[in-house]
Structures are given as C-alpha cells and as structure tokens.
Amino acid sequence: MLDADFFRRWMTATAASVEREADRLTALDSPIGDADHGSNLHRGFTAVRSVLEKEAPDTPGAVLVLAGRQLISTVGGASGPLYGTLLRRTGKALGDAAEVSDTDLASALRTGVEAVMALGGAAPGDKTMIDALVPAVDALDRSFAAARTAAEEGALATTPLQARKGRASYLGERSIGHQDPGATSAALLVAALADTAEVSRG
C-alpha cells in the first residue's frame, strides 16, 4: 500500500529530476515552443517541494491536490494548468484514504489524464504530454517499471509527429523532427514514480 509519505517522496523525486533536466527540457522547447518549459517546471516543482516540507498533508490524495494547486499558482504558460490539473484530479480521485493500492493509483491517474485531455483538447498522436501519459497509465496495470518504459517510449515517439495542439502546432510541418518537451517532462514524472516505488520496495 502507498501512503502519504510515498507520494511526498514521488513529488520530491520529480522536483530533483526536473531540476537535473531543466536545461534539456528548455532546449527541446526552443525550436517548437517558447524556450521556457524547463525553467517553468523547475520553478513549479521547487515550489511543490517547499510547500510539502512545510505542510506535510497526511493522505495521498491531499499531497497531490496540494502539489497541483501549487503548480497552477506558480507555473506560467500551459504547463502549470495542465500539470496542476493532472495532479489535482488524480488526488481528488484518490479521496481521503490514508493508504491506496497500486490499482487505486492507476485508476486515479487515468482520471487525471482524462482531465488533462479535456482541458487541453489533446489526444494521443497530437504531439503533447498525452503521448507519454496515456501509454504510461495503460502500462501501470502491469508495473511501475512498465509505466516508466511506456512513457519514455511515448515521448521518443513524438519526434516524427506533426504537432496538432499547443504552441508547436503553429509551426505546422516544421514541428516534425523535434521531441515534444511536454511528453518528455511527463516521462520524467512517471520515471520518478517508478524510482520511488523501487526504493520503497527494495
């Protein structure tokens, strides 16, 4: 079972990963976006890490709702509302339980991903974070490691796609040949989840 501490460690691991990869995310964003994806997410997840150290919610759902709210209030551009919605809706779907199962998390995360799709209007194949998140959620029923692999493969698979949503869609065919930064950061979030699960279960 997964408790609030597990979810705090997941968010902390994500913050560390985004900090390490911020320059790469911004480099990916430069040719097809506003060249600020890495710096925006770094600022947001640093704020998440800080608020979780101060407030320490006592349920998994409350951890994610607080993290999502913090991202919405601190991250500019589209990524704040999208990541904030993902975490808030996942947290709300987990409810008030003190511990949740892997299956509970998979189901709640699917709810969160569906909320992001509704907010942004994106579907798989549109060259967005959805291209990493949907395969990850599908694979989460098997294992955390399978979800990480699926997310990373989904992010890589955005390279030959033409963007149909978001800032990159304005470029038309010029968006082809660039890995999507949103899908790449989504894969970091899933990888941090898998890493946290590996550490907690030895």
N, C-alpha and C. Protein backbone atom coordinates (compact mmCIF):
# COMPACT_ATOMS: atom_id res chain seq x y z
N MET A 1 0.84 -1.21 0.00
CA MET A 1 0.00 0.00 0.00
C MET A 1 0.88 1.26 0.00
N LEU A 2 0.35 2.31 -0.55
CA LEU A 2 1.09 3.57 -0.72
C LEU A 2 0.49 4.62 0.20
N ASP A 3 1.34 5.21 1.05
CA ASP A 3 0.86 6.21 2.00
C ASP A 3 1.28 7.63 1.57
N ALA A 4 0.94 8.60 2.41
CA ALA A 4 1.24 10.00 2.07
C ALA A 4 2.74 10.22 1.90
N ASP A 5 3.54 9.53 2.72
CA ASP A 5 4.99 9.70 2.61
C ASP A 5 5.50 9.27 1.24
N PHE A 6 4.93 8.18 0.71
CA PHE A 6 5.31 7.72 -0.63
C PHE A 6 5.05 8.82 -1.66
N PHE A 7 3.90 9.47 -1.56
CA PHE A 7 3.54 10.49 -2.54
C PHE A 7 4.39 11.75 -2.37
N ARG A 8 4.76 12.07 -1.14
CA ARG A 8 5.68 13.20 -0.92
C ARG A 8 7.03 12.90 -1.56
N ARG A 9 7.48 11.66 -1.39
CA ARG A 9 8.78 11.28 -1.98
C ARG A 9 8.71 11.27 -3.51
N TRP A 10 7.56 10.90 -4.06
CA TRP A 10 7.39 10.96 -5.52
C TRP A 10 7.51 12.40 -6.01
N MET A 11 6.86 13.32 -5.33
CA MET A 11 6.93 14.73 -5.75
C MET A 11 8.34 15.29 -5.58
N THR A 12 9.02 14.90 -4.50
CA THR A 12 10.39 15.35 -4.26
C THR A 12 11.33 14.80 -5.33
N ALA A 13 11.13 13.52 -5.69
CA ALA A 13 11.95 12.90 -6.74
C ALA A 13 11.70 13.57 -8.09
N THR A 14 10.45 13.94 -8.35
CA THR A 14 10.13 14.65 -9.59
C THR A 14 10.82 16.00 -9.62
N ALA A 15 10.78 16.72 -8.50
CA ALA A 15 11.43 18.03 -8.43
C ALA A 15 12.93 17.90 -8.72
N ALA A 16 13.57 16.87 -8.16
CA ALA A 16 15.00 16.67 -8.39
C ALA A 16 15.29 16.34 -9.85
N SER A 17 14.43 15.53 -10.44
CA SER A 17 14.62 15.15 -11.84
C SER A 17 14.42 16.33 -12.78
N VAL A 18 13.38 17.14 -12.51
CA VAL A 18 13.13 18.32 -13.33
C VAL A 18 14.30 19.31 -13.20
N GLU A 19 14.85 19.42 -11.99
CA GLU A 19 16.00 20.31 -11.79
C GLU A 19 17.19 19.85 -12.63
N ARG A 20 17.45 18.54 -12.63
CA ARG A 20 18.56 17.98 -13.41
C ARG A 20 18.34 18.17 -14.92
N GLU A 21 17.09 18.03 -15.35
CA GLU A 21 16.78 18.00 -16.78
C GLU A 21 16.24 19.33 -17.32
N ALA A 22 16.22 20.37 -16.50
CA ALA A 22 15.60 21.64 -16.90
C ALA A 22 16.21 22.20 -18.19
N ASP A 23 17.53 22.16 -18.29
CA ASP A 23 18.18 22.70 -19.49
C ASP A 23 17.81 21.90 -20.73
N ARG A 24 17.72 20.58 -20.59
CA ARG A 24 17.34 19.74 -21.73
C ARG A 24 15.90 20.01 -22.15
N LEU A 25 15.01 20.18 -21.17
CA LEU A 25 13.61 20.47 -21.49
C LEU A 25 13.49 21.80 -22.23
N THR A 26 14.25 22.78 -21.78
CA THR A 26 14.22 24.09 -22.43
C THR A 26 14.83 24.00 -23.84
N ALA A 27 15.88 23.20 -24.00
CA ALA A 27 16.48 23.02 -25.33
C ALA A 27 15.49 22.36 -26.29
N LEU A 28 14.71 21.40 -25.79
CA LEU A 28 13.69 20.77 -26.62
C LEU A 28 12.59 21.76 -26.98
N ASP A 29 12.30 22.67 -26.05
CA ASP A 29 11.23 23.65 -26.24
C ASP A 29 11.64 24.79 -27.17
N SER A 30 12.94 25.01 -27.32
CA SER A 30 13.42 26.17 -28.10
C SER A 30 12.94 26.18 -29.55
N PRO A 31 13.08 25.07 -30.29
CA PRO A 31 12.69 25.14 -31.70
C PRO A 31 11.18 25.12 -31.94
N ILE A 32 10.39 24.62 -30.97
CA ILE A 32 8.95 24.45 -31.24
C ILE A 32 8.06 25.12 -30.20
N GLY A 33 8.66 25.82 -29.23
CA GLY A 33 7.84 26.45 -28.19
C GLY A 33 8.41 27.80 -27.79
N ASP A 34 8.25 28.14 -26.52
CA ASP A 34 8.69 29.45 -26.02
C ASP A 34 10.04 29.39 -25.29
N ALA A 35 10.70 28.24 -25.35
CA ALA A 35 12.02 28.06 -24.72
C ALA A 35 11.99 28.32 -23.21
N ASP A 36 10.87 27.95 -22.57
CA ASP A 36 10.77 28.17 -21.12
C ASP A 36 10.21 26.97 -20.36
N HIS A 37 10.04 25.84 -21.05
CA HIS A 37 9.40 24.69 -20.40
C HIS A 37 10.21 24.20 -19.19
N GLY A 38 11.52 24.09 -19.37
CA GLY A 38 12.37 23.62 -18.27
C GLY A 38 12.38 24.57 -17.10
N SER A 39 12.55 25.87 -17.38
CA SER A 39 12.61 26.85 -16.29
C SER A 39 11.27 26.97 -15.58
N ASN A 40 10.17 26.90 -16.33
CA ASN A 40 8.85 26.98 -15.71
C ASN A 40 8.59 25.80 -14.79
N LEU A 41 8.86 24.60 -15.28
CA LEU A 41 8.61 23.40 -14.46
C LEU A 41 9.56 23.35 -13.26
N HIS A 42 10.79 23.78 -13.47
CA HIS A 42 11.75 23.81 -12.35
C HIS A 42 11.22 24.72 -11.24
N ARG A 43 10.76 25.89 -11.61
CA ARG A 43 10.20 26.81 -10.62
C ARG A 43 8.99 26.18 -9.92
N GLY A 44 8.13 25.53 -10.71
CA GLY A 44 6.92 24.96 -10.14
C GLY A 44 7.18 23.81 -9.18
N PHE A 45 8.02 22.87 -9.58
CA PHE A 45 8.26 21.71 -8.72
C PHE A 45 9.16 22.07 -7.53
N THR A 46 9.98 23.09 -7.67
CA THR A 46 10.71 23.58 -6.50
C THR A 46 9.73 24.13 -5.47
N ALA A 47 8.71 24.83 -5.93
CA ALA A 47 7.67 25.35 -5.03
C ALA A 47 6.87 24.21 -4.41
N VAL A 48 6.62 23.16 -5.19
CA VAL A 48 5.91 21.99 -4.66
C VAL A 48 6.72 21.35 -3.54
N ARG A 49 7.99 21.15 -3.80
CA ARG A 49 8.86 20.54 -2.77
C ARG A 49 8.85 21.38 -1.50
N SER A 50 8.92 22.69 -1.64
CA SER A 50 8.95 23.59 -0.49
C SER A 50 7.65 23.54 0.30
N VAL A 51 6.51 23.57 -0.39
CA VAL A 51 5.23 23.60 0.32
C VAL A 51 4.96 22.26 1.01
N LEU A 52 5.41 21.16 0.41
CA LEU A 52 5.20 19.85 1.04
C LEU A 52 6.06 19.70 2.29
N GLU A 53 7.22 20.34 2.31
CA GLU A 53 8.06 20.32 3.51
C GLU A 53 7.39 21.09 4.64
N LYS A 54 6.67 22.15 4.30
CA LYS A 54 6.04 22.98 5.32
C LYS A 54 4.72 22.40 5.82
N GLU A 55 3.91 21.87 4.89
CA GLU A 55 2.54 21.50 5.25
C GLU A 55 2.35 20.01 5.54
N ALA A 56 3.06 19.14 4.85
CA ALA A 56 3.00 17.70 5.09
C ALA A 56 1.59 17.15 5.21
N PRO A 57 0.80 17.13 4.13
CA PRO A 57 -0.54 16.54 4.17
C PRO A 57 -0.46 15.07 4.57
N ASP A 58 -1.54 14.57 5.18
CA ASP A 58 -1.46 13.22 5.76
C ASP A 58 -2.18 12.14 4.95
N THR A 59 -2.65 12.46 3.74
CA THR A 59 -3.20 11.42 2.87
C THR A 59 -2.59 11.57 1.47
N PRO A 60 -2.53 10.47 0.71
CA PRO A 60 -2.00 10.55 -0.66
C PRO A 60 -2.75 11.58 -1.51
N GLY A 61 -4.07 11.56 -1.41
CA GLY A 61 -4.86 12.49 -2.20
C GLY A 61 -4.53 13.94 -1.88
N ALA A 62 -4.39 14.23 -0.59
CA ALA A 62 -4.11 15.61 -0.17
C ALA A 62 -2.74 16.08 -0.64
N VAL A 63 -1.77 15.16 -0.68
CA VAL A 63 -0.43 15.52 -1.20
C VAL A 63 -0.53 15.98 -2.64
N LEU A 64 -1.26 15.20 -3.46
CA LEU A 64 -1.33 15.53 -4.88
C LEU A 64 -2.18 16.77 -5.15
N VAL A 65 -3.26 16.94 -4.38
CA VAL A 65 -4.09 18.14 -4.55
C VAL A 65 -3.28 19.39 -4.23
N LEU A 66 -2.52 19.34 -3.13
CA LEU A 66 -1.69 20.49 -2.75
C LEU A 66 -0.61 20.75 -3.80
N ALA A 67 0.02 19.69 -4.29
CA ALA A 67 1.06 19.84 -5.32
C ALA A 67 0.46 20.46 -6.59
N GLY A 68 -0.70 19.98 -6.99
CA GLY A 68 -1.34 20.51 -8.18
C GLY A 68 -1.71 21.96 -8.05
N ARG A 69 -2.24 22.32 -6.89
CA ARG A 69 -2.62 23.71 -6.64
C ARG A 69 -1.39 24.61 -6.70
N GLN A 70 -0.28 24.13 -6.17
CA GLN A 70 0.96 24.91 -6.16
C GLN A 70 1.48 25.13 -7.59
N LEU A 71 1.39 24.11 -8.42
CA LEU A 71 1.85 24.24 -9.80
C LEU A 71 1.00 25.26 -10.56
N ILE A 72 -0.31 25.21 -10.36
CA ILE A 72 -1.19 26.14 -11.06
C ILE A 72 -0.87 27.59 -10.67
N SER A 73 -0.51 27.79 -9.40
CA SER A 73 -0.27 29.16 -8.93
C SER A 73 1.13 29.68 -9.23
N THR A 74 2.08 28.80 -9.55
CA THR A 74 3.46 29.26 -9.72
C THR A 74 4.03 29.08 -11.12
N VAL A 75 3.40 28.27 -11.96
CA VAL A 75 3.98 27.98 -13.29
C VAL A 75 3.23 28.73 -14.36
N GLY A 76 3.99 29.47 -15.18
CA GLY A 76 3.39 30.19 -16.29
C GLY A 76 3.15 29.28 -17.49
N GLY A 77 2.56 29.84 -18.52
CA GLY A 77 2.33 29.08 -19.74
C GLY A 77 1.27 28.01 -19.56
N ALA A 78 1.28 27.04 -20.46
CA ALA A 78 0.28 25.98 -20.42
C ALA A 78 0.61 24.89 -19.43
N SER A 79 1.90 24.72 -19.12
CA SER A 79 2.29 23.56 -18.32
C SER A 79 1.77 23.62 -16.89
N GLY A 80 1.63 24.81 -16.31
CA GLY A 80 1.11 24.92 -14.95
C GLY A 80 -0.30 24.38 -14.83
N PRO A 81 -1.26 24.89 -15.61
CA PRO A 81 -2.61 24.37 -15.56
C PRO A 81 -2.71 22.88 -15.92
N LEU A 82 -1.91 22.44 -16.89
CA LEU A 82 -2.00 21.04 -17.32
C LEU A 82 -1.46 20.09 -16.25
N TYR A 83 -0.25 20.36 -15.75
CA TYR A 83 0.30 19.51 -14.69
C TYR A 83 -0.50 19.66 -13.40
N GLY A 84 -0.94 20.89 -13.11
CA GLY A 84 -1.74 21.11 -11.92
C GLY A 84 -3.04 20.33 -11.96
N THR A 85 -3.69 20.33 -13.11
CA THR A 85 -4.93 19.57 -13.28
C THR A 85 -4.67 18.08 -13.15
N LEU A 86 -3.57 17.60 -13.75
CA LEU A 86 -3.23 16.18 -13.66
C LEU A 86 -3.13 15.74 -12.20
N LEU A 87 -2.37 16.48 -11.39
CA LEU A 87 -2.14 16.08 -10.01
C LEU A 87 -3.37 16.31 -9.14
N ARG A 88 -4.05 17.43 -9.33
CA ARG A 88 -5.24 17.71 -8.52
C ARG A 88 -6.34 16.69 -8.76
N ARG A 89 -6.61 16.39 -10.03
CA ARG A 89 -7.69 15.45 -10.34
C ARG A 89 -7.33 14.04 -9.91
N THR A 90 -6.05 13.68 -10.03
CA THR A 90 -5.61 12.37 -9.53
C THR A 90 -5.80 12.32 -8.02
N GLY A 91 -5.39 13.38 -7.33
CA GLY A 91 -5.54 13.44 -5.87
C GLY A 91 -6.99 13.36 -5.43
N LYS A 92 -7.85 14.08 -6.12
CA LYS A 92 -9.28 14.05 -5.76
C LYS A 92 -9.87 12.66 -5.98
N ALA A 93 -9.42 11.99 -7.04
CA ALA A 93 -9.91 10.64 -7.33
C ALA A 93 -9.46 9.64 -6.26
N LEU A 94 -8.33 9.91 -5.61
CA LEU A 94 -7.86 9.03 -4.53
C LEU A 94 -8.67 9.21 -3.26
N GLY A 95 -9.36 10.34 -3.14
CA GLY A 95 -10.21 10.56 -1.97
C GLY A 95 -9.43 10.81 -0.69
N ASP A 96 -10.01 10.40 0.43
CA ASP A 96 -9.43 10.69 1.75
C ASP A 96 -8.73 9.50 2.38
N ALA A 97 -8.50 8.44 1.61
CA ALA A 97 -7.88 7.23 2.17
C ALA A 97 -6.46 7.52 2.65
N ALA A 98 -6.11 6.94 3.80
CA ALA A 98 -4.76 7.12 4.34
C ALA A 98 -3.72 6.33 3.55
N GLU A 99 -4.16 5.24 2.92
CA GLU A 99 -3.28 4.44 2.07
C GLU A 99 -4.07 4.01 0.84
N VAL A 100 -3.37 3.91 -0.29
CA VAL A 100 -4.02 3.46 -1.52
C VAL A 100 -3.20 2.34 -2.14
N SER A 101 -3.86 1.53 -2.95
CA SER A 101 -3.17 0.43 -3.62
C SER A 101 -2.61 0.89 -4.96
N ASP A 102 -1.76 0.06 -5.56
CA ASP A 102 -1.25 0.36 -6.90
C ASP A 102 -2.40 0.51 -7.88
N THR A 103 -3.42 -0.35 -7.72
CA THR A 103 -4.59 -0.30 -8.60
C THR A 103 -5.36 1.00 -8.41
N ASP A 104 -5.50 1.42 -7.16
CA ASP A 104 -6.16 2.70 -6.88
C ASP A 104 -5.44 3.85 -7.59
N LEU A 105 -4.11 3.84 -7.51
CA LEU A 105 -3.32 4.90 -8.13
C LEU A 105 -3.48 4.87 -9.65
N ALA A 106 -3.44 3.68 -10.24
CA ALA A 106 -3.58 3.57 -11.69
C ALA A 106 -4.93 4.13 -12.15
N SER A 107 -5.97 3.80 -11.42
CA SER A 107 -7.31 4.28 -11.76
C SER A 107 -7.42 5.79 -11.59
N ALA A 108 -6.87 6.32 -10.50
CA ALA A 108 -6.93 7.75 -10.23
C ALA A 108 -6.11 8.54 -11.25
N LEU A 109 -4.95 7.99 -11.61
CA LEU A 109 -4.10 8.67 -12.58
C LEU A 109 -4.78 8.71 -13.95
N ARG A 110 -5.52 7.67 -14.27
CA ARG A 110 -6.27 7.68 -15.53
C ARG A 110 -7.30 8.82 -15.52
N THR A 111 -7.96 9.00 -14.37
CA THR A 111 -8.91 10.11 -14.23
C THR A 111 -8.20 11.45 -14.44
N GLY A 112 -7.00 11.58 -13.86
CA GLY A 112 -6.22 12.80 -14.02
C GLY A 112 -5.83 13.05 -15.47
N VAL A 113 -5.41 12.01 -16.17
CA VAL A 113 -5.01 12.14 -17.57
C VAL A 113 -6.21 12.52 -18.43
N GLU A 114 -7.36 11.93 -18.14
CA GLU A 114 -8.58 12.28 -18.89
C GLU A 114 -8.94 13.74 -18.67
N ALA A 115 -8.71 14.25 -17.46
CA ALA A 115 -8.98 15.66 -17.18
C ALA A 115 -8.05 16.58 -17.97
N VAL A 116 -6.79 16.17 -18.11
CA VAL A 116 -5.84 16.94 -18.91
C VAL A 116 -6.26 16.95 -20.38
N MET A 117 -6.70 15.79 -20.86
CA MET A 117 -7.15 15.71 -22.26
C MET A 117 -8.36 16.62 -22.49
N ALA A 118 -9.26 16.66 -21.52
CA ALA A 118 -10.44 17.52 -21.64
C ALA A 118 -10.05 19.00 -21.60
N LEU A 119 -9.10 19.34 -20.73
CA LEU A 119 -8.67 20.74 -20.59
C LEU A 119 -7.95 21.23 -21.84
N GLY A 120 -7.02 20.44 -22.34
CA GLY A 120 -6.19 20.87 -23.46
C GLY A 120 -6.72 20.47 -24.83
N GLY A 121 -7.70 19.58 -24.84
CA GLY A 121 -8.26 19.11 -26.11
C GLY A 121 -7.35 18.21 -26.90
N ALA A 122 -6.32 17.67 -26.25
CA ALA A 122 -5.34 16.84 -26.96
C ALA A 122 -5.69 15.36 -26.85
N ALA A 123 -5.31 14.62 -27.87
CA ALA A 123 -5.47 13.17 -27.90
C ALA A 123 -4.13 12.54 -28.24
N PRO A 124 -3.98 11.23 -28.01
CA PRO A 124 -2.74 10.58 -28.43
C PRO A 124 -2.45 10.84 -29.90
N GLY A 125 -1.19 11.13 -30.21
CA GLY A 125 -0.80 11.42 -31.58
C GLY A 125 -0.74 12.90 -31.92
N ASP A 126 -1.17 13.76 -30.96
CA ASP A 126 -1.15 15.20 -31.20
C ASP A 126 0.18 15.85 -30.84
N LYS A 127 1.15 15.06 -30.38
CA LYS A 127 2.49 15.56 -30.01
C LYS A 127 2.40 16.46 -28.77
N THR A 128 1.90 15.87 -27.67
CA THR A 128 1.81 16.57 -26.39
C THR A 128 2.18 15.61 -25.28
N MET A 129 2.07 16.08 -24.03
CA MET A 129 2.32 15.23 -22.86
C MET A 129 1.43 14.00 -22.84
N ILE A 130 0.28 14.06 -23.51
CA ILE A 130 -0.65 12.93 -23.56
C ILE A 130 0.01 11.71 -24.21
N ASP A 131 0.93 11.95 -25.12
CA ASP A 131 1.60 10.83 -25.81
C ASP A 131 2.49 10.02 -24.87
N ALA A 132 2.90 10.59 -23.77
CA ALA A 132 3.64 9.85 -22.75
C ALA A 132 2.70 9.33 -21.66
N LEU A 133 1.70 10.13 -21.30
CA LEU A 133 0.85 9.78 -20.15
C LEU A 133 -0.11 8.64 -20.44
N VAL A 134 -0.72 8.62 -21.61
CA VAL A 134 -1.70 7.56 -21.91
C VAL A 134 -1.05 6.17 -21.91
N PRO A 135 0.06 5.96 -22.63
CA PRO A 135 0.70 4.64 -22.55
C PRO A 135 1.20 4.30 -21.15
N ALA A 136 1.62 5.31 -20.40
CA ALA A 136 2.08 5.05 -19.03
C ALA A 136 0.95 4.53 -18.16
N VAL A 137 -0.21 5.17 -18.25
CA VAL A 137 -1.36 4.74 -17.45
C VAL A 137 -1.81 3.34 -17.88
N ASP A 138 -1.79 3.08 -19.18
CA ASP A 138 -2.16 1.75 -19.66
C ASP A 138 -1.21 0.68 -19.11
N ALA A 139 0.06 1.02 -19.01
CA ALA A 139 1.07 0.05 -18.55
C ALA A 139 1.14 -0.07 -17.04
N LEU A 140 0.58 0.92 -16.34
CA LEU A 140 0.67 0.93 -14.87
C LEU A 140 -0.06 -0.25 -14.25
N ASP A 141 -1.02 -0.81 -14.98
CA ASP A 141 -1.71 -2.01 -14.50
C ASP A 141 -0.74 -3.19 -14.39
N ARG A 142 0.34 -3.16 -15.16
CA ARG A 142 1.33 -4.24 -15.10
C ARG A 142 2.37 -3.97 -14.02
N SER A 143 3.01 -2.80 -14.08
CA SER A 143 4.01 -2.46 -13.06
C SER A 143 4.43 -1.01 -13.23
N PHE A 144 5.06 -0.48 -12.18
CA PHE A 144 5.61 0.88 -12.25
C PHE A 144 6.72 0.95 -13.30
N ALA A 145 7.54 -0.10 -13.37
CA ALA A 145 8.64 -0.12 -14.34
C ALA A 145 8.11 -0.11 -15.77
N ALA A 146 7.03 -0.86 -16.01
CA ALA A 146 6.42 -0.88 -17.34
C ALA A 146 5.87 0.49 -17.71
N ALA A 147 5.31 1.19 -16.73
CA ALA A 147 4.79 2.54 -16.97
C ALA A 147 5.91 3.49 -17.35
N ARG A 148 7.05 3.38 -16.66
CA ARG A 148 8.19 4.24 -16.98
C ARG A 148 8.66 4.01 -18.42
N THR A 149 8.82 2.74 -18.80
CA THR A 149 9.26 2.41 -20.16
C THR A 149 8.27 2.93 -21.20
N ALA A 150 6.97 2.74 -20.93
CA ALA A 150 5.94 3.18 -21.88
C ALA A 150 5.95 4.69 -22.04
N ALA A 151 6.15 5.42 -20.94
CA ALA A 151 6.18 6.88 -21.01
C ALA A 151 7.39 7.36 -21.79
N GLU A 152 8.55 6.74 -21.54
CA GLU A 152 9.77 7.15 -22.24
C GLU A 152 9.67 6.85 -23.74
N GLU A 153 9.10 5.69 -24.07
CA GLU A 153 8.92 5.34 -25.48
C GLU A 153 7.90 6.27 -26.14
N GLY A 154 6.86 6.63 -25.39
CA GLY A 154 5.85 7.55 -25.91
C GLY A 154 6.43 8.92 -26.21
N ALA A 155 7.32 9.38 -25.32
CA ALA A 155 7.96 10.68 -25.53
C ALA A 155 8.84 10.66 -26.77
N LEU A 156 9.63 9.59 -26.92
CA LEU A 156 10.50 9.47 -28.10
C LEU A 156 9.69 9.41 -29.39
N ALA A 157 8.52 8.77 -29.30
CA ALA A 157 7.69 8.58 -30.49
C ALA A 157 7.05 9.88 -30.98
N THR A 158 7.17 10.96 -30.20
CA THR A 158 6.62 12.25 -30.66
C THR A 158 7.51 12.92 -31.70
N THR A 159 8.76 12.48 -31.79
CA THR A 159 9.72 13.16 -32.67
C THR A 159 9.23 13.26 -34.13
N PRO A 160 8.74 12.17 -34.74
CA PRO A 160 8.33 12.29 -36.14
C PRO A 160 6.93 12.87 -36.35
N LEU A 161 6.23 13.17 -35.27
CA LEU A 161 4.85 13.64 -35.40
C LEU A 161 4.80 15.13 -35.74
N GLN A 162 3.71 15.52 -36.38
CA GLN A 162 3.42 16.95 -36.55
C GLN A 162 2.49 17.37 -35.42
N ALA A 163 2.85 18.45 -34.74
CA ALA A 163 2.06 18.92 -33.60
C ALA A 163 0.69 19.40 -34.05
N ARG A 164 -0.35 18.97 -33.32
CA ARG A 164 -1.71 19.41 -33.63
C ARG A 164 -2.33 20.23 -32.50
N LYS A 165 -1.62 20.33 -31.39
CA LYS A 165 -2.11 21.12 -30.26
C LYS A 165 -0.95 21.91 -29.67
N GLY A 166 -1.29 22.98 -28.96
CA GLY A 166 -0.27 23.74 -28.26
C GLY A 166 0.52 24.67 -29.16
N ARG A 167 1.51 25.30 -28.57
CA ARG A 167 2.34 26.29 -29.25
C ARG A 167 3.00 25.72 -30.50
N ALA A 168 3.44 24.46 -30.41
CA ALA A 168 4.16 23.84 -31.53
C ALA A 168 3.27 23.67 -32.76
N SER A 169 1.96 23.60 -32.57
CA SER A 169 1.06 23.38 -33.71
C SER A 169 1.10 24.54 -34.69
N TYR A 170 1.49 25.73 -34.21
CA TYR A 170 1.57 26.90 -35.10
C TYR A 170 2.64 26.71 -36.18
N LEU A 171 3.60 25.84 -35.91
CA LEU A 171 4.72 25.64 -36.84
C LEU A 171 4.37 24.69 -37.98
N GLY A 172 3.26 23.97 -37.85
CA GLY A 172 2.89 23.02 -38.90
C GLY A 172 3.95 21.95 -39.09
N GLU A 173 4.36 21.74 -40.35
CA GLU A 173 5.31 20.67 -40.64
C GLU A 173 6.69 20.92 -40.03
N ARG A 174 6.98 22.15 -39.68
CA ARG A 174 8.29 22.43 -39.07
C ARG A 174 8.41 21.85 -37.65
N SER A 175 7.28 21.42 -37.09
CA SER A 175 7.35 20.78 -35.77
C SER A 175 7.82 19.33 -35.86
N ILE A 176 7.82 18.78 -37.08
CA ILE A 176 8.26 17.39 -37.28
C ILE A 176 9.77 17.31 -37.06
N GLY A 177 10.20 16.25 -36.38
CA GLY A 177 11.64 16.04 -36.16
C GLY A 177 12.14 16.52 -34.82
N HIS A 178 11.21 17.04 -33.99
CA HIS A 178 11.58 17.52 -32.65
C HIS A 178 10.79 16.74 -31.60
N GLN A 179 11.49 16.22 -30.60
CA GLN A 179 10.81 15.52 -29.50
C GLN A 179 10.03 16.53 -28.67
N ASP A 180 8.80 16.18 -28.33
CA ASP A 180 7.94 17.12 -27.60
C ASP A 180 8.42 17.31 -26.16
N PRO A 181 8.63 18.56 -25.73
CA PRO A 181 9.10 18.79 -24.36
C PRO A 181 8.09 18.39 -23.29
N GLY A 182 6.79 18.58 -23.58
CA GLY A 182 5.77 18.19 -22.60
C GLY A 182 5.72 16.69 -22.38
N ALA A 183 5.82 15.93 -23.47
CA ALA A 183 5.86 14.47 -23.34
C ALA A 183 7.12 14.04 -22.60
N THR A 184 8.21 14.76 -22.83
CA THR A 184 9.48 14.43 -22.16
C THR A 184 9.39 14.69 -20.66
N SER A 185 8.81 15.81 -20.27
CA SER A 185 8.67 16.09 -18.83
C SER A 185 7.67 15.15 -18.18
N ALA A 186 6.62 14.75 -18.93
CA ALA A 186 5.66 13.78 -18.39
C ALA A 186 6.35 12.45 -18.12
N ALA A 187 7.27 12.07 -19.00
CA ALA A 187 8.03 10.83 -18.79
C ALA A 187 8.91 10.93 -17.55
N LEU A 188 9.43 12.13 -17.26
CA LEU A 188 10.22 12.33 -16.02
C LEU A 188 9.34 12.11 -14.78
N LEU A 189 8.11 12.59 -14.83
CA LEU A 189 7.18 12.42 -13.71
C LEU A 189 6.91 10.93 -13.46
N VAL A 190 6.69 10.19 -14.55
CA VAL A 190 6.41 8.75 -14.43
C VAL A 190 7.66 8.00 -13.97
N ALA A 191 8.82 8.39 -14.49
CA ALA A 191 10.07 7.74 -14.07
C ALA A 191 10.33 7.97 -12.59
N ALA A 192 10.03 9.17 -12.10
CA ALA A 192 10.19 9.45 -10.67
C ALA A 192 9.27 8.58 -9.83
N LEU A 193 8.07 8.32 -10.34
CA LEU A 193 7.14 7.42 -9.65
C LEU A 193 7.72 6.02 -9.56
N ALA A 194 8.24 5.52 -10.70
CA ALA A 194 8.83 4.18 -10.72
C ALA A 194 10.04 4.09 -9.81
N ASP A 195 10.87 5.11 -9.81
CA ASP A 195 12.05 5.13 -8.92
C ASP A 195 11.63 5.10 -7.46
N THR A 196 10.61 5.88 -7.13
CA THR A 196 10.14 5.93 -5.74
C THR A 196 9.62 4.56 -5.30
N ALA A 197 8.89 3.90 -6.21
CA ALA A 197 8.37 2.57 -5.89
C ALA A 197 9.50 1.56 -5.71
N GLU A 198 10.54 1.65 -6.54
CA GLU A 198 11.68 0.73 -6.44
C GLU A 198 12.39 0.90 -5.09
N VAL A 199 12.61 2.14 -4.70
CA VAL A 199 13.30 2.40 -3.44
C VAL A 199 12.47 1.92 -2.25
N SER A 200 11.18 2.16 -2.29
CA SER A 200 10.33 1.82 -1.14
C SER A 200 10.13 0.31 -1.00
N ARG A 201 10.31 -0.43 -2.12
CA ARG A 201 10.07 -1.86 -2.07
C ARG A 201 11.34 -2.67 -2.19
N GLY A 202 12.46 -1.97 -2.15
CA GLY A 202 13.75 -2.66 -2.16
C GLY A 202 14.07 -3.29 -3.50
